[in-house]
Amino acid sequence: MSGKDPKDLRPATRLALGGRRKEWTGPVVNPPVWRASTHLYATEADRKAAGKDNADGGFFYGRRGAPTQWSLAEALTQIEPGAHGTMLYPSGVAAIAGSMLAVLRPGDRLLMADNAYDPSRSMATGLLKRLGVETTFFDPLDIDAYRALFEEKVRAVWLENPGSLTMEVCDVPALAGIAREHGAVTMIDNTWASPLGFAALDHGCDISVMSLSKHVGGHSDLMMGSSSAGERWYRALRRTAQALGQVVSPDDAALAARGLRTMGLRLEKSTASAARIAAWLGKQPQVAQVMCPLLPSDPGHALWKRDFTGGCGLFSFMLDNDDPDASGRVAEALDLFGIGYSWGGYESLALPIVPHQHRTVMSSPTLPEGGSGARPAIRLSIGLEDTDDLIEDLASALKMMDPE
């Protein structure tokens, strides 16, 4: 396509042009779907040469992909400033596992932010523990306590920004800088903002992970994940993924590539809608707290403003109610919001959450000060519906909490 270096193009243009090499697309706009397990060689010399050239763009065998997967990986690399390459995985959790296994060895210690995605936590306390890797959870907002955790065995740090469920924003450059001082690798789940909203590698991280099932897919119809990194860690990611036989379907890769082209527009819409809805919720008598860094009143807003160039439609709010079942009743009363675990699609979702059950060292904002019971909370994923319709739906559902 364009003869310009992608680094010289702005994000929206990279989204439109990324991965569309002429040798992969031919005379059409999008790379065709290459379904193939077997790649054939014209000669024995070609077969031997292919085995030595382990890079995207070189045919070898179906596990190494073909133009459909290579195109998507290249497009993702081109929107991640500082990335040398991107590996694709059959789910976001597979990308998390692939990244951890590429970095950690038996006897290593991992420092994990206490507000990380629950499957990341479970992987640390399950799979990694069985492999001889010790995990220590830390409060990403307490930099001094975090710094004190470093010792010889600490090999890596796992971050998520904002934090899962309760949306705390941490100082990634400071945390990653401390890790680098101690020779540790910083990995981050960057699904919330994507590289369009937070350039993770430019802010000091070594590996940036995304669930492509969310914003990139955008239509709630595929499962996929990715990990992008500079040259050193990309090579490690590639070796590990290939050793584990990780490969994504070309059909799913084509869907993800299609979703990528409109991701910027969808993020702009959902972010603007979420900011309006979060501000509105903050004024409702049935709501005790809104956890959304897009709001100027949020404790993490200053860091979000400093480090981010965008956001998304995912945030949480706490009900002013002591009944643990209240969040479930509100979610069920919503008409335009589905109840489901995912997010980032075109449709809005509401999920009752209990954050304190997924914390080790951090106190959850849903726990009243001095209390043991948690206030009910709901995580919202704002889709592409009309914002006023969503507000009216929420208003109707919240009214059911009003006393008779």
Protein backbone atom coordinates (compact mmCIF):
# COMPACT_ATOMS: atom_id res chain seq x y z
CA MET A 1 0.00 0.00 0.00
CA SER A 2 1.56 3.31 1.10
CA GLY A 3 5.29 3.65 0.49
CA LYS A 4 5.66 5.57 3.77
CA ASP A 5 7.10 4.04 6.93
CA PRO A 6 4.14 3.19 9.20
CA LYS A 7 5.93 5.04 12.03
CA ASP A 8 5.40 8.26 10.06
CA LEU A 9 1.64 7.72 9.81
CA ARG A 10 -0.98 8.57 12.42
CA PRO A 11 -2.88 5.80 14.25
CA ALA A 12 -6.07 5.99 12.19
CA THR A 13 -4.08 5.60 8.97
CA ARG A 14 -2.11 2.68 10.42
CA LEU A 15 -5.39 0.96 11.25
CA ALA A 16 -6.57 1.34 7.67
CA LEU A 17 -3.32 0.32 5.95
CA GLY A 18 -1.64 -2.04 8.40
CA GLY A 19 -0.70 -5.50 7.15
CA ARG A 20 -1.98 -4.96 3.62
CA ARG A 21 1.16 -5.93 1.73
CA LYS A 22 0.66 -6.39 -1.99
CA GLU A 23 2.14 -9.90 -1.87
CA TRP A 24 -0.54 -10.89 0.68
CA THR A 25 -3.56 -9.12 -0.81
CA GLY A 26 -2.90 -9.34 -4.55
CA PRO A 27 -5.43 -7.25 -6.48
CA VAL A 28 -8.03 -7.17 -3.65
CA VAL A 29 -8.36 -4.94 -0.59
CA ASN A 30 -8.14 -7.57 2.16
CA PRO A 31 -5.86 -10.61 2.41
CA PRO A 32 -7.83 -13.70 1.38
CA VAL A 33 -8.50 -16.41 3.95
CA TRP A 34 -5.73 -18.98 3.50
CA ARG A 35 -6.93 -22.26 5.01
CA ALA A 36 -4.02 -24.65 4.92
CA SER A 37 -2.23 -27.13 7.11
CA THR A 38 0.25 -28.21 4.42
CA HIS A 39 2.56 -25.91 2.49
CA LEU A 40 4.15 -27.41 -0.62
CA TYR A 41 7.66 -26.85 -1.98
CA ALA A 42 8.79 -26.83 -5.58
CA THR A 43 12.11 -28.46 -4.71
CA GLU A 44 13.91 -30.17 -1.85
CA ALA A 45 16.23 -27.17 -1.66
CA ASP A 46 13.20 -24.92 -1.10
CA ARG A 47 11.99 -27.18 1.72
CA LYS A 48 15.35 -27.07 3.48
CA ALA A 49 15.58 -23.30 3.09
CA ALA A 50 12.08 -22.78 4.50
CA GLY A 51 12.95 -24.58 7.72
CA LYS A 52 15.75 -22.13 8.42
CA ASP A 53 13.71 -18.96 7.79
CA ASN A 54 11.42 -18.84 10.83
CA ALA A 55 9.68 -15.53 10.17
CA ASP A 56 6.23 -14.34 9.17
CA GLY A 57 6.06 -14.22 5.40
CA GLY A 58 7.86 -17.50 4.90
CA PHE A 59 5.76 -20.56 4.09
CA PHE A 60 6.70 -23.67 6.06
CA TYR A 61 3.73 -25.42 7.71
CA GLY A 62 0.27 -24.33 8.84
CA ARG A 63 1.28 -23.82 12.47
CA ARG A 64 3.47 -20.90 11.40
CA GLY A 65 0.54 -19.27 9.68
CA ALA A 66 -0.02 -17.88 6.21
CA PRO A 67 -0.85 -14.42 4.78
CA THR A 68 -4.15 -14.11 6.69
CA GLN A 69 -2.45 -14.46 10.09
CA TRP A 70 0.77 -12.67 9.06
CA SER A 71 -1.20 -9.65 7.89
CA LEU A 72 -3.06 -9.32 11.19
CA ALA A 73 0.13 -9.73 13.23
CA GLU A 74 1.90 -7.07 11.18
CA ALA A 75 -1.02 -4.64 11.49
CA LEU A 76 -1.01 -5.07 15.28
CA THR A 77 2.74 -4.50 15.37
CA GLN A 78 2.33 -1.32 13.36
CA ILE A 79 -0.15 0.19 15.84
CA GLU A 80 2.04 -0.66 18.88
CA PRO A 81 4.83 1.94 19.09
CA GLY A 82 8.15 0.28 19.86
CA ALA A 83 7.09 -3.23 18.81
CA HIS A 84 9.30 -5.44 16.65
CA GLY A 85 6.67 -8.15 16.23
CA THR A 86 3.40 -9.63 17.46
CA MET A 87 2.39 -13.19 18.27
CA LEU A 88 -1.22 -14.35 17.91
CA TYR A 89 -2.93 -16.78 20.29
CA PRO A 90 -6.32 -18.54 20.24
CA SER A 91 -7.57 -16.49 23.24
CA GLY A 92 -6.57 -13.62 25.49
CA VAL A 93 -5.81 -16.06 28.31
CA ALA A 94 -3.57 -18.04 25.93
CA ALA A 95 -1.67 -14.81 25.24
CA ILE A 96 -1.25 -14.26 28.98
CA ALA A 97 0.05 -17.81 29.44
CA GLY A 98 2.31 -17.55 26.39
CA SER A 99 3.86 -14.33 27.69
CA MET A 100 4.43 -15.64 31.20
CA LEU A 101 5.93 -18.90 29.97
CA ALA A 102 8.25 -17.04 27.59
CA VAL A 103 9.75 -15.06 30.47
CA LEU A 104 9.55 -17.17 33.65
CA ARG A 105 11.50 -20.25 34.69
CA PRO A 106 11.32 -22.57 37.73
CA GLY A 107 12.68 -20.76 40.76
CA ASP A 108 11.72 -17.30 39.48
CA ARG A 109 9.46 -14.93 41.35
CA LEU A 110 6.68 -12.92 39.70
CA LEU A 111 5.27 -9.70 41.13
CA MET A 112 1.63 -9.33 40.08
CA ALA A 113 -0.57 -6.27 40.54
CA ASP A 114 -3.34 -7.21 42.95
CA ASN A 115 -6.03 -5.75 40.68
CA ALA A 116 -5.13 -7.96 37.71
CA TYR A 117 -7.70 -9.87 35.66
CA ASP A 118 -8.83 -12.95 37.61
CA PRO A 119 -7.59 -15.51 35.03
CA SER A 120 -4.14 -13.88 35.28
CA ARG A 121 -4.25 -14.30 39.05
CA SER A 122 -5.43 -17.89 38.71
CA MET A 123 -2.62 -18.64 36.29
CA ALA A 124 -0.10 -17.33 38.79
CA THR A 125 -1.48 -19.33 41.70
CA GLY A 126 -2.13 -22.43 39.57
CA LEU A 127 -0.05 -23.17 36.48
CA LEU A 128 2.98 -21.07 37.44
CA LYS A 129 3.01 -22.39 40.99
CA ARG A 130 3.02 -25.96 39.70
CA LEU A 131 5.98 -25.04 37.48
CA GLY A 132 7.95 -23.71 40.44
CA VAL A 133 7.32 -19.99 39.97
CA GLU A 134 6.41 -18.03 43.11
CA THR A 135 4.00 -15.08 42.83
CA THR A 136 3.70 -12.13 45.19
CA PHE A 137 0.72 -9.82 44.77
CA PHE A 138 1.33 -6.11 45.33
CA ASP A 139 -0.63 -2.87 45.51
CA PRO A 140 0.29 -1.02 42.28
CA LEU A 141 -0.63 2.29 43.93
CA ASP A 142 1.99 1.86 46.72
CA ILE A 143 5.27 2.39 44.88
CA ASP A 144 7.47 2.30 48.00
CA ALA A 145 6.08 -1.07 49.12
CA TYR A 146 6.47 -2.35 45.56
CA ARG A 147 10.10 -1.27 45.39
CA ALA A 148 10.83 -3.11 48.64
CA LEU A 149 9.70 -6.43 47.11
CA PHE A 150 12.60 -6.68 44.68
CA GLU A 151 15.27 -9.25 45.36
CA GLU A 152 17.39 -11.60 43.28
CA LYS A 153 14.61 -14.05 42.35
CA VAL A 154 12.21 -11.42 40.98
CA ARG A 155 12.22 -12.04 37.25
CA ALA A 156 9.08 -10.26 36.07
CA VAL A 157 6.25 -7.87 36.92
CA TRP A 158 2.66 -8.20 35.69
CA LEU A 159 0.56 -5.04 35.40
CA GLU A 160 -2.91 -4.10 34.26
CA ASN A 161 -3.88 -0.49 33.69
CA PRO A 162 -6.54 0.42 34.70
CA GLY A 163 -6.97 -2.41 37.20
CA SER A 164 -9.57 -5.06 36.53
CA LEU A 165 -13.05 -4.45 38.00
CA THR A 166 -12.17 -1.40 40.15
CA MET A 167 -10.30 0.63 37.49
CA GLU A 168 -7.38 2.00 39.52
CA VAL A 169 -4.78 3.74 37.33
CA CYS A 170 -1.16 3.04 38.27
CA ASP A 171 2.05 4.86 37.37
CA VAL A 172 3.30 2.44 34.72
CA PRO A 173 6.51 4.36 33.83
CA ALA A 174 7.53 4.43 37.51
CA LEU A 175 6.70 0.75 38.13
CA ALA A 176 8.36 -0.41 34.90
CA GLY A 177 11.40 1.77 35.60
CA ILE A 178 11.92 0.18 39.00
CA ALA A 179 11.58 -3.28 37.46
CA ARG A 180 14.17 -2.43 34.82
CA GLU A 181 16.59 -1.15 37.48
CA HIS A 182 16.43 -4.62 39.04
CA GLY A 183 16.73 -6.53 35.75
CA ALA A 184 13.07 -7.60 35.75
CA VAL A 185 10.75 -7.82 32.75
CA THR A 186 7.50 -5.82 32.76
CA MET A 187 4.44 -7.39 31.13
CA ILE A 188 1.09 -5.62 30.92
CA ASP A 189 -2.45 -6.54 30.01
CA ASN A 190 -3.26 -3.55 27.82
CA THR A 191 -6.70 -4.66 26.62
CA TRP A 192 -8.63 -1.77 28.22
CA ALA A 193 -7.12 1.11 26.22
CA SER A 194 -5.31 -0.85 23.47
CA PRO A 195 -2.18 0.72 21.92
CA LEU A 196 -4.45 3.44 20.53
CA GLY A 197 -5.08 4.74 24.04
CA PHE A 198 -1.94 3.64 25.89
CA ALA A 199 1.42 3.02 24.23
CA ALA A 200 2.60 0.39 26.72
CA LEU A 201 6.07 -0.26 25.28
CA ASP A 202 6.79 3.46 25.00
CA HIS A 203 5.87 3.75 28.69
CA GLY A 204 8.49 1.22 29.75
CA CYS A 205 6.82 -2.17 29.40
CA ASP A 206 8.59 -5.03 27.65
CA ILE A 207 5.57 -7.09 26.54
CA SER A 208 2.08 -5.75 25.80
CA VAL A 209 -0.79 -8.27 25.85
CA MET A 210 -4.30 -7.83 24.46
CA SER A 211 -7.44 -9.89 24.29
CA LEU A 212 -8.36 -9.39 20.65
CA SER A 213 -11.78 -10.88 21.50
CA LYS A 214 -12.62 -7.43 22.87
CA HIS A 215 -12.01 -4.19 20.95
CA VAL A 216 -10.16 -5.59 17.96
CA GLY A 217 -12.82 -8.18 17.14
CA GLY A 218 -15.49 -5.74 18.23
CA HIS A 219 -18.46 -7.93 17.35
CA SER A 220 -18.46 -10.62 20.08
CA ASP A 221 -17.92 -13.39 17.55
CA LEU A 222 -14.29 -14.49 17.91
CA MET A 223 -11.70 -15.52 20.51
CA MET A 224 -8.09 -14.41 20.08
CA GLY A 225 -5.20 -12.78 21.92
CA SER A 226 -1.89 -11.12 21.07
CA SER A 227 1.46 -10.22 22.62
CA SER A 228 3.64 -7.49 21.13
CA ALA A 229 7.23 -6.77 22.11
CA GLY A 230 10.60 -5.41 21.06
CA GLU A 231 12.96 -7.75 19.23
CA ARG A 232 14.42 -9.62 22.23
CA TRP A 233 11.13 -10.59 23.82
CA TYR A 234 9.34 -11.06 20.53
CA ARG A 235 11.86 -13.79 19.71
CA ALA A 236 11.18 -15.42 23.08
CA LEU A 237 7.41 -15.17 22.57
CA ARG A 238 7.72 -16.74 19.13
CA ARG A 239 9.89 -19.65 20.32
CA THR A 240 7.53 -20.40 23.21
CA ALA A 241 4.35 -20.13 21.15
CA GLN A 242 5.73 -22.47 18.51
CA ALA A 243 6.94 -24.94 21.14
CA LEU A 244 3.40 -25.02 22.56
CA GLY A 245 1.82 -25.41 19.11
CA GLN A 246 -0.13 -22.16 19.41
CA VAL A 247 -1.90 -21.14 16.21
CA VAL A 248 -5.03 -19.14 15.35
CA SER A 249 -7.68 -19.95 12.78
CA PRO A 250 -7.31 -18.00 9.50
CA ASP A 251 -11.07 -17.42 9.56
CA ASP A 252 -10.83 -15.81 12.99
CA ALA A 253 -7.76 -13.83 11.91
CA ALA A 254 -9.76 -12.43 8.98
CA LEU A 255 -12.56 -11.40 11.36
CA ALA A 256 -10.07 -9.73 13.71
CA ALA A 257 -8.41 -7.89 10.82
CA ARG A 258 -11.80 -6.64 9.66
CA GLY A 259 -12.64 -5.44 13.17
CA LEU A 260 -9.26 -3.72 13.49
CA ARG A 261 -10.08 -1.33 10.63
CA THR A 262 -12.97 0.26 12.56
CA MET A 263 -11.60 -0.12 16.10
CA GLY A 264 -10.60 3.52 16.38
CA LEU A 265 -14.08 4.79 15.52
CA ARG A 266 -15.75 2.29 17.86
CA LEU A 267 -13.44 3.23 20.74
CA GLU A 268 -14.12 6.93 20.24
CA LYS A 269 -17.88 6.33 20.35
CA SER A 270 -17.89 3.95 23.32
CA THR A 271 -15.46 6.13 25.31
CA ALA A 272 -17.52 9.28 24.81
CA SER A 273 -20.70 7.42 25.69
CA ALA A 274 -19.12 5.84 28.78
CA ALA A 275 -17.89 9.23 30.03
CA ARG A 276 -21.42 10.65 29.78
CA ILE A 277 -23.01 7.65 31.45
CA ALA A 278 -20.41 7.53 34.23
CA ALA A 279 -20.92 11.23 34.97
CA TRP A 280 -24.69 10.70 35.04
CA LEU A 281 -24.43 7.70 37.36
CA GLY A 282 -22.32 9.76 39.77
CA LYS A 283 -25.32 12.05 40.33
CA GLN A 284 -27.83 9.28 41.05
CA PRO A 285 -28.95 8.78 44.68
CA GLN A 286 -28.83 4.98 44.27
CA VAL A 287 -25.11 5.07 43.39
CA ALA A 288 -22.41 5.27 46.08
CA GLN A 289 -19.35 5.50 43.82
CA VAL A 290 -18.39 5.42 40.16
CA MET A 291 -15.02 3.84 39.30
CA CYS A 292 -14.05 5.39 35.98
CA PRO A 293 -10.72 7.15 35.23
CA LEU A 294 -12.40 9.16 32.47
CA LEU A 295 -14.06 11.28 35.18
CA PRO A 296 -12.14 14.30 36.57
CA SER A 297 -13.35 13.27 40.04
CA ASP A 298 -11.75 9.83 39.82
CA PRO A 299 -8.54 9.31 41.88
CA GLY A 300 -6.75 7.96 38.82
CA HIS A 301 -7.82 10.68 36.40
CA ALA A 302 -4.60 12.73 36.63
CA LEU A 303 -2.45 9.72 35.71
CA TRP A 304 -4.91 8.76 32.98
CA LYS A 305 -4.72 12.28 31.59
CA ARG A 306 -0.91 12.21 31.72
CA ASP A 307 -0.27 8.79 30.15
CA PHE A 308 -3.30 7.90 28.02
CA THR A 309 -4.49 9.22 24.69
CA GLY A 310 -7.83 7.40 24.86
CA GLY A 311 -10.04 5.06 26.81
CA CYS A 312 -12.86 2.64 26.28
CA GLY A 313 -16.41 1.92 27.39
CA LEU A 314 -15.58 -0.27 30.41
CA PHE A 315 -16.05 1.00 33.97
CA SER A 316 -17.74 0.02 37.23
CA PHE A 317 -20.04 1.55 39.81
CA MET A 318 -21.07 0.72 43.35
CA LEU A 319 -24.65 0.82 44.57
CA ASP A 320 -25.59 2.64 47.76
CA ASN A 321 -27.14 -0.51 49.17
CA ASP A 322 -26.15 -3.21 51.65
CA ASP A 323 -28.09 -6.01 49.96
CA PRO A 324 -25.52 -8.22 48.14
CA ASP A 325 -28.20 -9.30 45.66
CA ALA A 326 -29.08 -5.74 44.63
CA SER A 327 -26.58 -5.65 41.76
CA GLY A 328 -28.06 -8.82 40.29
CA ARG A 329 -31.57 -7.39 40.45
CA VAL A 330 -30.48 -4.16 38.76
CA ALA A 331 -28.68 -6.07 36.00
CA GLU A 332 -31.74 -8.24 35.39
CA ALA A 333 -33.97 -5.15 35.21
CA LEU A 334 -31.91 -3.66 32.38
CA ASP A 335 -33.42 -4.07 28.94
CA LEU A 336 -30.63 -2.87 26.64
CA PHE A 337 -27.73 -4.41 28.57
CA GLY A 338 -26.99 -8.11 28.36
CA ILE A 339 -25.49 -9.98 31.33
CA GLY A 340 -22.16 -11.43 30.22
CA TYR A 341 -18.45 -11.69 31.00
CA SER A 342 -16.91 -10.14 27.92
CA TRP A 343 -16.72 -6.52 26.80
CA GLY A 344 -15.55 -4.36 23.93
CA GLY A 345 -18.26 -5.51 21.53
CA TYR A 346 -20.87 -3.35 19.84
CA GLU A 347 -23.47 -4.34 22.44
CA SER A 348 -23.67 -3.08 26.02
CA LEU A 349 -23.22 -5.47 28.94
CA ALA A 350 -23.76 -5.35 32.70
CA LEU A 351 -21.98 -7.73 35.08
CA PRO A 352 -22.56 -7.90 38.85
CA ILE A 353 -19.11 -8.03 40.49
CA VAL A 354 -17.62 -8.71 43.94
CA PRO A 355 -14.08 -7.26 43.67
CA HIS A 356 -12.91 -8.03 47.22
CA GLN A 357 -13.08 -11.74 46.42
CA HIS A 358 -10.31 -11.19 43.87
CA ARG A 359 -7.85 -9.24 46.06
CA THR A 360 -4.97 -10.30 48.28
CA VAL A 361 -3.33 -7.09 49.53
CA MET A 362 -5.46 -4.21 48.21
CA SER A 363 -8.61 -3.04 49.94
CA SER A 364 -11.59 -2.96 47.60
CA PRO A 365 -13.52 0.30 47.21
CA THR A 366 -16.71 -1.75 47.44
CA LEU A 367 -15.89 -2.54 51.08
CA PRO A 368 -17.28 0.19 53.37
CA GLU A 369 -14.63 1.48 55.78
CA GLY A 370 -14.56 -0.73 58.84
CA GLY A 371 -17.05 -3.16 57.35
CA SER A 372 -16.69 -6.78 56.30
CA GLY A 373 -19.55 -6.97 53.82
CA ALA A 374 -19.14 -5.51 50.34
CA ARG A 375 -21.54 -3.12 48.71
CA PRO A 376 -22.99 -4.53 45.49
CA ALA A 377 -21.26 -3.34 42.35
CA ILE A 378 -21.76 -3.61 38.59
CA ARG A 379 -19.28 -3.48 35.73
CA LEU A 380 -20.64 -1.88 32.57
CA SER A 381 -19.36 -2.30 29.05
CA ILE A 382 -20.82 0.50 26.97
CA GLY A 383 -21.46 -0.41 23.37
CA LEU A 384 -22.59 1.52 20.32
CA GLU A 385 -26.25 2.06 21.21
CA ASP A 386 -27.60 5.59 21.60
CA THR A 387 -26.27 7.05 24.85
CA ASP A 388 -29.61 8.54 25.88
CA ASP A 389 -31.34 5.18 25.43
CA LEU A 390 -28.75 3.54 27.70
CA ILE A 391 -29.16 6.25 30.36
CA GLU A 392 -32.93 5.83 30.29
CA ASP A 393 -32.53 2.08 30.67
CA LEU A 394 -30.20 2.52 33.67
CA ALA A 395 -32.54 5.08 35.24
CA SER A 396 -35.44 2.65 35.00
CA ALA A 397 -33.43 -0.19 36.52
CA LEU A 398 -32.06 1.93 39.38
CA LYS A 399 -35.57 3.10 40.33
CA MET A 400 -36.38 -0.39 41.51
CA MET A 401 -34.02 0.27 44.45
CA ASP A 402 -36.04 3.24 45.66
CA PRO A 403 -38.12 2.62 48.78
CA GLU A 404 -41.82 2.05 48.17
